[in-house]
Amino acid sequence: MKKKIEKILRYLPSIIFNVAETIAIILIGVLLLHLNINDIILIILLFGAVRIATHSAMHYKDWKLCLIWSTLQLSSLFLTAKVNLGVGIGTTIFTALILSSKGNIKDIFMWGGNTLNNEVFNWVKFNQENEKIMKYENQLKATDKQKYFIFKYRFREFKTYSQIAKIMDMDIQRISDEIKIMSHFIEYSIRLD
């Protein structure tokens, strides 16, 4: 019984904050935007349900950022729902997917991304047997396994950033940063040498 009480007391400030934040957001929808309470609850529940279903919702650790961004995000979804509920529902689902990191715009075929990374990627793709590339790959394999696997998945197996992040259970931004470093090295130390 004592452990349950300690657990409740440990999470109580977070629970109080989340309830107060939700009430504030609902009041913004009702009082400022004059939305129907049912539409507000539908948007909030749908947004939460999609994020829970994806199993990868992003959260702010700082309560101020959490409050500001949650309020802005849901208020904008309320405005969309005010114009048209169907569009509001579609926008809510789309936004929740993007904010869950499941919707990665870098994998969209028209995304240009970093031009240097693309140029190096294409160069390595068509120069697979280049001695300097093979030497660089072997050096990575001997010195840094993580960078080696990122290199292997991107430049040998042609996987997307999202696929690499999923395989290696790493943040996609970290994958991007590592590939950027590799691309610069390959460009200026191998390709242009």
C-alpha atoms as a PDB file:
ATOM      1  CA  MET A   1       0.000   0.000   0.000  1.00  0.00           C
ATOM      2  CA  LYS A   2       2.831   2.387   0.878  1.00  0.00           C
ATOM      3  CA  LYS A   3       4.527   1.802  -2.506  1.00  0.00           C
ATOM      4  CA  LYS A   4       1.288   2.620  -4.338  1.00  0.00           C
ATOM      5  CA  ILE A   5       0.951   5.881  -2.440  1.00  0.00           C
ATOM      6  CA  GLU A   6       4.587   6.782  -3.163  1.00  0.00           C
ATOM      7  CA  LYS A   7       4.056   6.012  -6.834  1.00  0.00           C
ATOM      8  CA  ILE A   8       0.927   8.170  -6.949  1.00  0.00           C
ATOM      9  CA  LEU A   9       2.699  11.016  -5.155  1.00  0.00           C
ATOM     10  CA  ARG A  10       5.627  10.796  -7.569  1.00  0.00           C
ATOM     11  CA  TYR A  11       3.352  11.159 -10.605  1.00  0.00           C
ATOM     12  CA  LEU A  12       0.848  13.561  -9.022  1.00  0.00           C
ATOM     13  CA  PRO A  13       2.479  16.805 -10.272  1.00  0.00           C
ATOM     14  CA  SER A  14       2.533  15.433 -13.822  1.00  0.00           C
ATOM     15  CA  ILE A  15      -1.093  14.321 -13.586  1.00  0.00           C
ATOM     16  CA  ILE A  16      -2.177  17.705 -12.219  1.00  0.00           C
ATOM     17  CA  PHE A  17      -0.288  19.510 -15.002  1.00  0.00           C
ATOM     18  CA  ASN A  18      -1.811  17.319 -17.743  1.00  0.00           C
ATOM     19  CA  VAL A  19      -5.348  17.783 -16.405  1.00  0.00           C
ATOM     20  CA  ALA A  20      -4.873  21.573 -16.069  1.00  0.00           C
ATOM     21  CA  GLU A  21      -3.367  21.772 -19.566  1.00  0.00           C
ATOM     22  CA  THR A  22      -6.260  19.807 -21.058  1.00  0.00           C
ATOM     23  CA  ILE A  23      -8.839  21.996 -19.308  1.00  0.00           C
ATOM     24  CA  ALA A  24      -7.057  25.139 -20.546  1.00  0.00           C
ATOM     25  CA  ILE A  25      -7.008  23.818 -24.119  1.00  0.00           C
ATOM     26  CA  ILE A  26     -10.694  22.882 -23.952  1.00  0.00           C
ATOM     27  CA  LEU A  27     -11.536  26.345 -22.617  1.00  0.00           C
ATOM     28  CA  ILE A  28      -9.658  27.941 -25.518  1.00  0.00           C
ATOM     29  CA  GLY A  29     -11.767  25.896 -27.923  1.00  0.00           C
ATOM     30  CA  VAL A  30     -15.046  26.696 -26.180  1.00  0.00           C
ATOM     31  CA  LEU A  31     -14.554  30.321 -25.124  1.00  0.00           C
ATOM     32  CA  LEU A  32     -12.277  31.764 -27.805  1.00  0.00           C
ATOM     33  CA  LEU A  33     -13.140  29.669 -30.844  1.00  0.00           C
ATOM     34  CA  HIS A  34     -16.797  28.955 -29.930  1.00  0.00           C
ATOM     35  CA  LEU A  35     -16.518  25.296 -30.917  1.00  0.00           C
ATOM     36  CA  ASN A  36     -18.925  22.584 -29.891  1.00  0.00           C
ATOM     37  CA  ILE A  37     -17.537  20.651 -26.897  1.00  0.00           C
ATOM     38  CA  ASN A  38     -18.143  17.356 -28.741  1.00  0.00           C
ATOM     39  CA  ASP A  39     -15.906  18.482 -31.635  1.00  0.00           C
ATOM     40  CA  ILE A  40     -13.192  19.567 -29.199  1.00  0.00           C
ATOM     41  CA  ILE A  41     -13.235  16.251 -27.371  1.00  0.00           C
ATOM     42  CA  LEU A  42     -13.265  14.368 -30.700  1.00  0.00           C
ATOM     43  CA  ILE A  43     -10.139  16.226 -31.899  1.00  0.00           C
ATOM     44  CA  ILE A  44      -8.298  15.746 -28.585  1.00  0.00           C
ATOM     45  CA  LEU A  45      -9.166  12.040 -28.325  1.00  0.00           C
ATOM     46  CA  LEU A  46      -8.377  11.362 -31.992  1.00  0.00           C
ATOM     47  CA  PHE A  47      -5.039  13.180 -31.708  1.00  0.00           C
ATOM     48  CA  GLY A  48      -4.140  11.191 -28.573  1.00  0.00           C
ATOM     49  CA  ALA A  49      -5.362   7.868 -29.999  1.00  0.00           C
ATOM     50  CA  VAL A  50      -3.269   8.171 -33.182  1.00  0.00           C
ATOM     51  CA  ARG A  51      -0.166   9.060 -31.172  1.00  0.00           C
ATOM     52  CA  ILE A  52      -0.745   6.125 -28.814  1.00  0.00           C
ATOM     53  CA  ALA A  53      -1.362   3.754 -31.750  1.00  0.00           C
ATOM     54  CA  THR A  54       1.981   4.655 -33.337  1.00  0.00           C
ATOM     55  CA  HIS A  55       3.889   3.799 -30.125  1.00  0.00           C
ATOM     56  CA  SER A  56       6.364   6.611 -30.680  1.00  0.00           C
ATOM     57  CA  ALA A  57       4.851   9.896 -29.569  1.00  0.00           C
ATOM     58  CA  MET A  58       7.358  12.672 -28.965  1.00  0.00           C
ATOM     59  CA  HIS A  59       7.197  14.633 -25.704  1.00  0.00           C
ATOM     60  CA  TYR A  60       8.776  17.787 -24.344  1.00  0.00           C
ATOM     61  CA  LYS A  61      10.534  17.407 -21.012  1.00  0.00           C
ATOM     62  CA  ASP A  62      10.149  21.114 -20.207  1.00  0.00           C
ATOM     63  CA  TRP A  63       6.601  21.821 -19.016  1.00  0.00           C
ATOM     64  CA  LYS A  64       6.591  25.325 -20.552  1.00  0.00           C
ATOM     65  CA  LEU A  65       7.413  24.029 -24.022  1.00  0.00           C
ATOM     66  CA  CYS A  66       4.862  21.260 -23.615  1.00  0.00           C
ATOM     67  CA  LEU A  67       2.163  23.757 -22.649  1.00  0.00           C
ATOM     68  CA  ILE A  68       2.974  26.211 -25.438  1.00  0.00           C
ATOM     69  CA  TRP A  69       3.248  23.669 -28.256  1.00  0.00           C
ATOM     70  CA  SER A  70       0.284  21.555 -27.148  1.00  0.00           C
ATOM     71  CA  THR A  71      -1.885  24.654 -26.900  1.00  0.00           C
ATOM     72  CA  LEU A  72      -0.768  25.997 -30.286  1.00  0.00           C
ATOM     73  CA  GLN A  73      -1.071  22.623 -31.989  1.00  0.00           C
ATOM     74  CA  LEU A  74      -4.517  21.756 -30.691  1.00  0.00           C
ATOM     75  CA  SER A  75      -5.794  25.323 -31.170  1.00  0.00           C
ATOM     76  CA  SER A  76      -4.775  25.174 -34.831  1.00  0.00           C
ATOM     77  CA  LEU A  77      -6.535  21.811 -35.170  1.00  0.00           C
ATOM     78  CA  PHE A  78      -9.628  23.347 -33.539  1.00  0.00           C
ATOM     79  CA  LEU A  79      -9.539  26.173 -36.095  1.00  0.00           C
ATOM     80  CA  THR A  80      -9.373  23.643 -38.905  1.00  0.00           C
ATOM     81  CA  ALA A  81     -12.291  21.726 -37.403  1.00  0.00           C
ATOM     82  CA  LYS A  82     -14.248  24.970 -37.120  1.00  0.00           C
ATOM     83  CA  VAL A  83     -13.954  25.475 -40.874  1.00  0.00           C
ATOM     84  CA  ASN A  84     -14.914  21.872 -41.652  1.00  0.00           C
ATOM     85  CA  LEU A  85     -15.069  18.952 -39.230  1.00  0.00           C
ATOM     86  CA  GLY A  86     -14.036  16.390 -41.863  1.00  0.00           C
ATOM     87  CA  VAL A  87     -10.964  18.415 -42.796  1.00  0.00           C
ATOM     88  CA  GLY A  88     -10.243  18.909 -39.091  1.00  0.00           C
ATOM     89  CA  ILE A  89     -10.324  15.154 -38.497  1.00  0.00           C
ATOM     90  CA  GLY A  90      -8.038  14.492 -41.485  1.00  0.00           C
ATOM     91  CA  THR A  91      -5.609  17.198 -40.392  1.00  0.00           C
ATOM     92  CA  THR A  92      -5.621  15.848 -36.850  1.00  0.00           C
ATOM     93  CA  ILE A  93      -4.695  12.346 -38.020  1.00  0.00           C
ATOM     94  CA  PHE A  94      -1.985  13.696 -40.351  1.00  0.00           C
ATOM     95  CA  THR A  95      -0.532  15.973 -37.670  1.00  0.00           C
ATOM     96  CA  ALA A  96      -0.504  13.217 -35.051  1.00  0.00           C
ATOM     97  CA  LEU A  97       1.368  10.914 -37.457  1.00  0.00           C
ATOM     98  CA  ILE A  98       3.956  13.573 -38.255  1.00  0.00           C
ATOM     99  CA  LEU A  99       4.455  14.395 -34.571  1.00  0.00           C
ATOM    100  CA  SER A 100       4.893  10.723 -33.741  1.00  0.00           C
ATOM    101  CA  SER A 101       7.970  10.579 -36.015  1.00  0.00           C
ATOM    102  CA  LYS A 102       6.269   7.911 -38.139  1.00  0.00           C
ATOM    103  CA  GLY A 103       5.782  10.371 -40.971  1.00  0.00           C
ATOM    104  CA  ASN A 104       9.302  11.111 -42.147  1.00  0.00           C
ATOM    105  CA  ILE A 105       9.331  13.667 -44.940  1.00  0.00           C
ATOM    106  CA  LYS A 106      12.894  12.708 -45.858  1.00  0.00           C
ATOM    107  CA  ASP A 107      11.573   9.487 -47.366  1.00  0.00           C
ATOM    108  CA  ILE A 108       9.169  11.251 -49.721  1.00  0.00           C
ATOM    109  CA  PHE A 109      10.427  10.805 -53.267  1.00  0.00           C
ATOM    110  CA  MET A 110      10.462  14.530 -54.079  1.00  0.00           C
ATOM    111  CA  TRP A 111      12.449  15.528 -51.004  1.00  0.00           C
ATOM    112  CA  GLY A 112      15.810  16.885 -52.060  1.00  0.00           C
ATOM    113  CA  GLY A 113      17.486  16.676 -48.679  1.00  0.00           C
ATOM    114  CA  ASN A 114      21.146  17.588 -48.418  1.00  0.00           C
ATOM    115  CA  THR A 115      22.577  18.011 -51.921  1.00  0.00           C
ATOM    116  CA  LEU A 116      26.101  16.997 -50.906  1.00  0.00           C
ATOM    117  CA  ASN A 117      24.774  13.825 -49.263  1.00  0.00           C
ATOM    118  CA  ASN A 118      22.853  12.966 -52.450  1.00  0.00           C
ATOM    119  CA  GLU A 119      25.843  13.632 -54.711  1.00  0.00           C
ATOM    120  CA  VAL A 120      28.125  11.496 -52.543  1.00  0.00           C
ATOM    121  CA  PHE A 121      25.478   8.779 -52.248  1.00  0.00           C
ATOM    122  CA  ASN A 122      25.175   8.579 -56.041  1.00  0.00           C
ATOM    123  CA  TRP A 123      28.938   8.675 -56.530  1.00  0.00           C
ATOM    124  CA  VAL A 124      29.515   5.843 -54.043  1.00  0.00           C
ATOM    125  CA  LYS A 125      26.614   3.890 -55.539  1.00  0.00           C
ATOM    126  CA  PHE A 126      28.296   3.870 -58.957  1.00  0.00           C
ATOM    127  CA  ASN A 127      31.849   3.443 -57.614  1.00  0.00           C
ATOM    128  CA  GLN A 128      31.329   0.482 -55.294  1.00  0.00           C
ATOM    129  CA  GLU A 129      34.721  -1.055 -56.093  1.00  0.00           C
ATOM    130  CA  ASN A 130      36.728   2.145 -55.566  1.00  0.00           C
ATOM    131  CA  GLU A 131      39.836   1.243 -53.533  1.00  0.00           C
ATOM    132  CA  LYS A 132      39.660   4.340 -51.358  1.00  0.00           C
ATOM    133  CA  ILE A 133      35.982   3.725 -50.531  1.00  0.00           C
ATOM    134  CA  MET A 134      36.749   0.119 -49.632  1.00  0.00           C
ATOM    135  CA  LYS A 135      39.684   1.245 -47.463  1.00  0.00           C
ATOM    136  CA  TYR A 136      37.440   3.818 -45.711  1.00  0.00           C
ATOM    137  CA  GLU A 137      34.801   1.140 -45.129  1.00  0.00           C
ATOM    138  CA  ASN A 138      37.387  -1.233 -43.633  1.00  0.00           C
ATOM    139  CA  GLN A 139      38.716   1.545 -41.369  1.00  0.00           C
ATOM    140  CA  LEU A 140      35.178   2.178 -40.098  1.00  0.00           C
ATOM    141  CA  LYS A 141      34.673  -1.530 -39.540  1.00  0.00           C
ATOM    142  CA  ALA A 142      37.880  -1.720 -37.487  1.00  0.00           C
ATOM    143  CA  THR A 143      37.413   1.455 -35.456  1.00  0.00           C
ATOM    144  CA  ASP A 144      33.704   2.269 -35.110  1.00  0.00           C
ATOM    145  CA  LYS A 145      31.092  -0.453 -35.608  1.00  0.00           C
ATOM    146  CA  GLN A 146      28.157   1.938 -35.331  1.00  0.00           C
ATOM    147  CA  LYS A 147      29.448   4.222 -38.083  1.00  0.00           C
ATOM    148  CA  TYR A 148      30.378   1.176 -40.131  1.00  0.00           C
ATOM    149  CA  PHE A 149      26.808  -0.156 -40.043  1.00  0.00           C
ATOM    150  CA  ILE A 150      25.394   3.263 -40.903  1.00  0.00           C
ATOM    151  CA  PHE A 151      27.809   3.383 -43.862  1.00  0.00           C
ATOM    152  CA  LYS A 152      26.944  -0.166 -44.891  1.00  0.00           C
ATOM    153  CA  TYR A 153      23.168   0.324 -44.687  1.00  0.00           C
ATOM    154  CA  ARG A 154      23.221   3.669 -46.514  1.00  0.00           C
ATOM    155  CA  PHE A 155      25.970   3.287 -49.099  1.00  0.00           C
ATOM    156  CA  ARG A 156      26.040  -0.470 -49.707  1.00  0.00           C
ATOM    157  CA  GLU A 157      22.445  -1.550 -49.126  1.00  0.00           C
ATOM    158  CA  PHE A 158      20.877   1.805 -50.144  1.00  0.00           C
ATOM    159  CA  LYS A 159      18.504   2.006 -47.182  1.00  0.00           C
ATOM    160  CA  THR A 160      16.658   5.213 -46.293  1.00  0.00           C
ATOM    161  CA  TYR A 161      17.376   7.171 -43.140  1.00  0.00           C
ATOM    162  CA  SER A 162      14.140   5.860 -41.599  1.00  0.00           C
ATOM    163  CA  GLN A 163      14.999   2.267 -42.378  1.00  0.00           C
ATOM    164  CA  ILE A 164      18.463   2.675 -40.847  1.00  0.00           C
ATOM    165  CA  ALA A 165      17.007   4.351 -37.752  1.00  0.00           C
ATOM    166  CA  LYS A 166      14.573   1.481 -37.295  1.00  0.00           C
ATOM    167  CA  ILE A 167      17.204  -1.248 -37.834  1.00  0.00           C
ATOM    168  CA  MET A 168      19.729   0.382 -35.507  1.00  0.00           C
ATOM    169  CA  ASP A 169      17.148   1.719 -33.039  1.00  0.00           C
ATOM    170  CA  MET A 170      18.661   5.203 -33.295  1.00  0.00           C
ATOM    171  CA  ASP A 171      17.278   8.703 -33.639  1.00  0.00           C
ATOM    172  CA  ILE A 172      16.929   9.663 -37.291  1.00  0.00           C
ATOM    173  CA  GLN A 173      18.654  12.992 -36.655  1.00  0.00           C
ATOM    174  CA  ARG A 174      21.718  11.143 -35.363  1.00  0.00           C
ATOM    175  CA  ILE A 175      21.711   8.970 -38.491  1.00  0.00           C
ATOM    176  CA  SER A 176      21.492  12.116 -40.613  1.00  0.00           C
ATOM    177  CA  ASP A 177      24.362  13.766 -38.741  1.00  0.00           C
ATOM    178  CA  GLU A 178      26.612  10.710 -39.123  1.00  0.00           C
ATOM    179  CA  ILE A 179      25.858  10.429 -42.850  1.00  0.00           C
ATOM    180  CA  LYS A 180      26.592  14.135 -43.271  1.00  0.00           C
ATOM    181  CA  ILE A 181      30.007  13.656 -41.631  1.00  0.00           C
ATOM    182  CA  MET A 182      30.729  10.617 -43.818  1.00  0.00           C
ATOM    183  CA  SER A 183      29.593  12.484 -46.946  1.00  0.00           C
ATOM    184  CA  HIS A 184      31.911  15.376 -46.213  1.00  0.00           C
ATOM    185  CA  PHE A 185      34.829  13.014 -45.630  1.00  0.00           C
ATOM    186  CA  ILE A 186      34.120  11.049 -48.804  1.00  0.00           C
ATOM    187  CA  GLU A 187      33.646  14.220 -50.852  1.00  0.00           C
ATOM    188  CA  TYR A 188      36.774  16.034 -49.747  1.00  0.00           C
ATOM    189  CA  SER A 189      39.143  13.174 -48.917  1.00  0.00           C
ATOM    190  CA  ILE A 190      38.251  10.524 -51.483  1.00  0.00           C
ATOM    191  CA  ARG A 191      36.126  11.789 -54.344  1.00  0.00           C
ATOM    192  CA  LEU A 192      37.967  15.051 -55.012  1.00  0.00           C
ATOM    193  CA  ASP A 193      41.407  13.657 -54.211  1.00  0.00           C
END
